[in-house]
Amino acid sequence: MKFSKTKFLIPGLAVVLAVAASAFTTNDTVDESFVQNYINSPAPCQKVDEQCTPQGTQECTTENDEYVFAKNGTSCTTPLYRQ
């Protein structure tokens, strides 16, 4: 009986292809309503731990009454709001 490597190679490739395809079709369940928050003092674009969103009615501020912004490229100029 002759040993054939392709007998084992084809099913292995099918499994690898199935795993790769499933990785591209899954959805991330990350809550995208919150974005990374920054303040512009004392230095531009310093990260802060606040929970702010791009939509809302009340502007988001820190405990020191500094306005919180979202990073837009290299600058932090997009205002953020409280939910």
Protein backbone atom coordinates (compact mmCIF):
# COMPACT_ATOMS: atom_id res chain seq x y z
CA MET A 1 0.00 0.00 0.00
CA LYS A 2 1.35 3.34 -1.03
CA PHE A 3 1.49 6.22 1.54
CA SER A 4 0.17 9.52 0.21
CA LYS A 5 0.86 12.80 1.96
CA THR A 6 -1.98 14.52 0.13
CA LYS A 7 -4.49 12.28 1.93
CA PHE A 8 -3.66 14.10 5.14
CA LEU A 9 -2.76 17.48 3.68
CA ILE A 10 -6.13 18.29 2.09
CA PRO A 11 -8.26 17.82 5.26
CA GLY A 12 -5.70 19.81 7.23
CA LEU A 13 -5.88 22.69 4.76
CA ALA A 14 -9.68 22.59 4.93
CA VAL A 15 -9.59 23.00 8.71
CA VAL A 16 -7.12 25.91 8.48
CA LEU A 17 -9.28 27.60 5.86
CA ALA A 18 -12.42 27.17 7.99
CA VAL A 19 -10.72 28.68 11.05
CA ALA A 20 -9.43 31.63 9.04
CA ALA A 21 -12.85 32.24 7.49
CA SER A 22 -14.59 32.18 10.86
CA ALA A 23 -12.11 34.71 12.25
CA PHE A 24 -13.13 37.21 9.58
CA THR A 25 -16.87 36.66 9.98
CA THR A 26 -17.19 37.11 13.75
CA ASN A 27 -18.47 40.39 15.17
CA ASP A 28 -16.71 42.27 17.92
CA THR A 29 -18.89 42.91 20.94
CA VAL A 30 -16.93 45.95 22.13
CA ASP A 31 -19.10 48.82 23.33
CA GLU A 32 -18.22 51.55 20.84
CA SER A 33 -20.37 54.21 22.49
CA PHE A 34 -17.45 55.19 24.74
CA VAL A 35 -14.32 56.59 23.12
CA GLN A 36 -10.84 57.37 24.40
CA ASN A 37 -10.87 60.67 26.29
CA TYR A 38 -8.27 63.43 26.30
CA ILE A 39 -7.74 66.86 27.85
CA ASN A 40 -5.57 69.64 26.42
CA SER A 41 -3.85 70.83 29.59
CA PRO A 42 -1.14 70.93 30.79
CA ALA A 43 -0.05 69.24 27.52
CA PRO A 44 -2.10 68.56 24.37
CA CYS A 45 -3.93 65.24 24.16
CA GLN A 46 -3.39 63.80 27.66
CA LYS A 47 -5.49 60.68 28.30
CA VAL A 48 -7.99 60.79 31.15
CA ASP A 49 -10.27 58.20 32.70
CA GLU A 50 -13.73 59.60 32.03
CA GLN A 51 -16.76 57.94 30.48
CA CYS A 52 -17.82 60.28 27.71
CA THR A 53 -19.58 59.73 24.40
CA PRO A 54 -19.73 61.57 21.07
CA GLN A 55 -23.47 62.30 21.57
CA GLY A 56 -25.27 63.97 24.42
CA THR A 57 -26.43 67.30 25.79
CA GLN A 58 -24.08 68.04 28.68
CA GLU A 59 -20.41 68.61 27.82
CA CYS A 60 -18.05 66.19 29.52
CA THR A 61 -15.60 67.67 32.04
CA THR A 62 -13.12 66.33 34.57
CA GLU A 63 -13.22 66.96 38.32
CA ASN A 64 -11.07 70.06 37.67
CA ASP A 65 -13.63 71.45 35.17
CA GLU A 66 -11.40 70.71 32.18
CA TYR A 67 -13.28 69.90 28.98
CA VAL A 68 -12.80 66.40 27.59
CA PHE A 69 -12.17 65.82 23.88
CA ALA A 70 -11.82 62.95 21.42
CA LYS A 71 -8.64 62.60 19.43
CA ASN A 72 -9.07 63.60 15.81
CA GLY A 73 -5.88 62.60 13.99
CA THR A 74 -3.10 64.37 15.88
CA SER A 75 -5.22 66.98 17.66
CA CYS A 76 -7.86 66.73 20.37
CA THR A 77 -10.60 69.10 19.31
CA THR A 78 -13.83 67.04 19.10
CA PRO A 79 -15.92 67.77 22.25
CA LEU A 80 -17.39 64.85 24.17
CA TYR A 81 -20.59 64.63 26.23
CA ARG A 82 -22.05 62.85 29.27
CA GLN A 83 -24.77 60.32 28.72
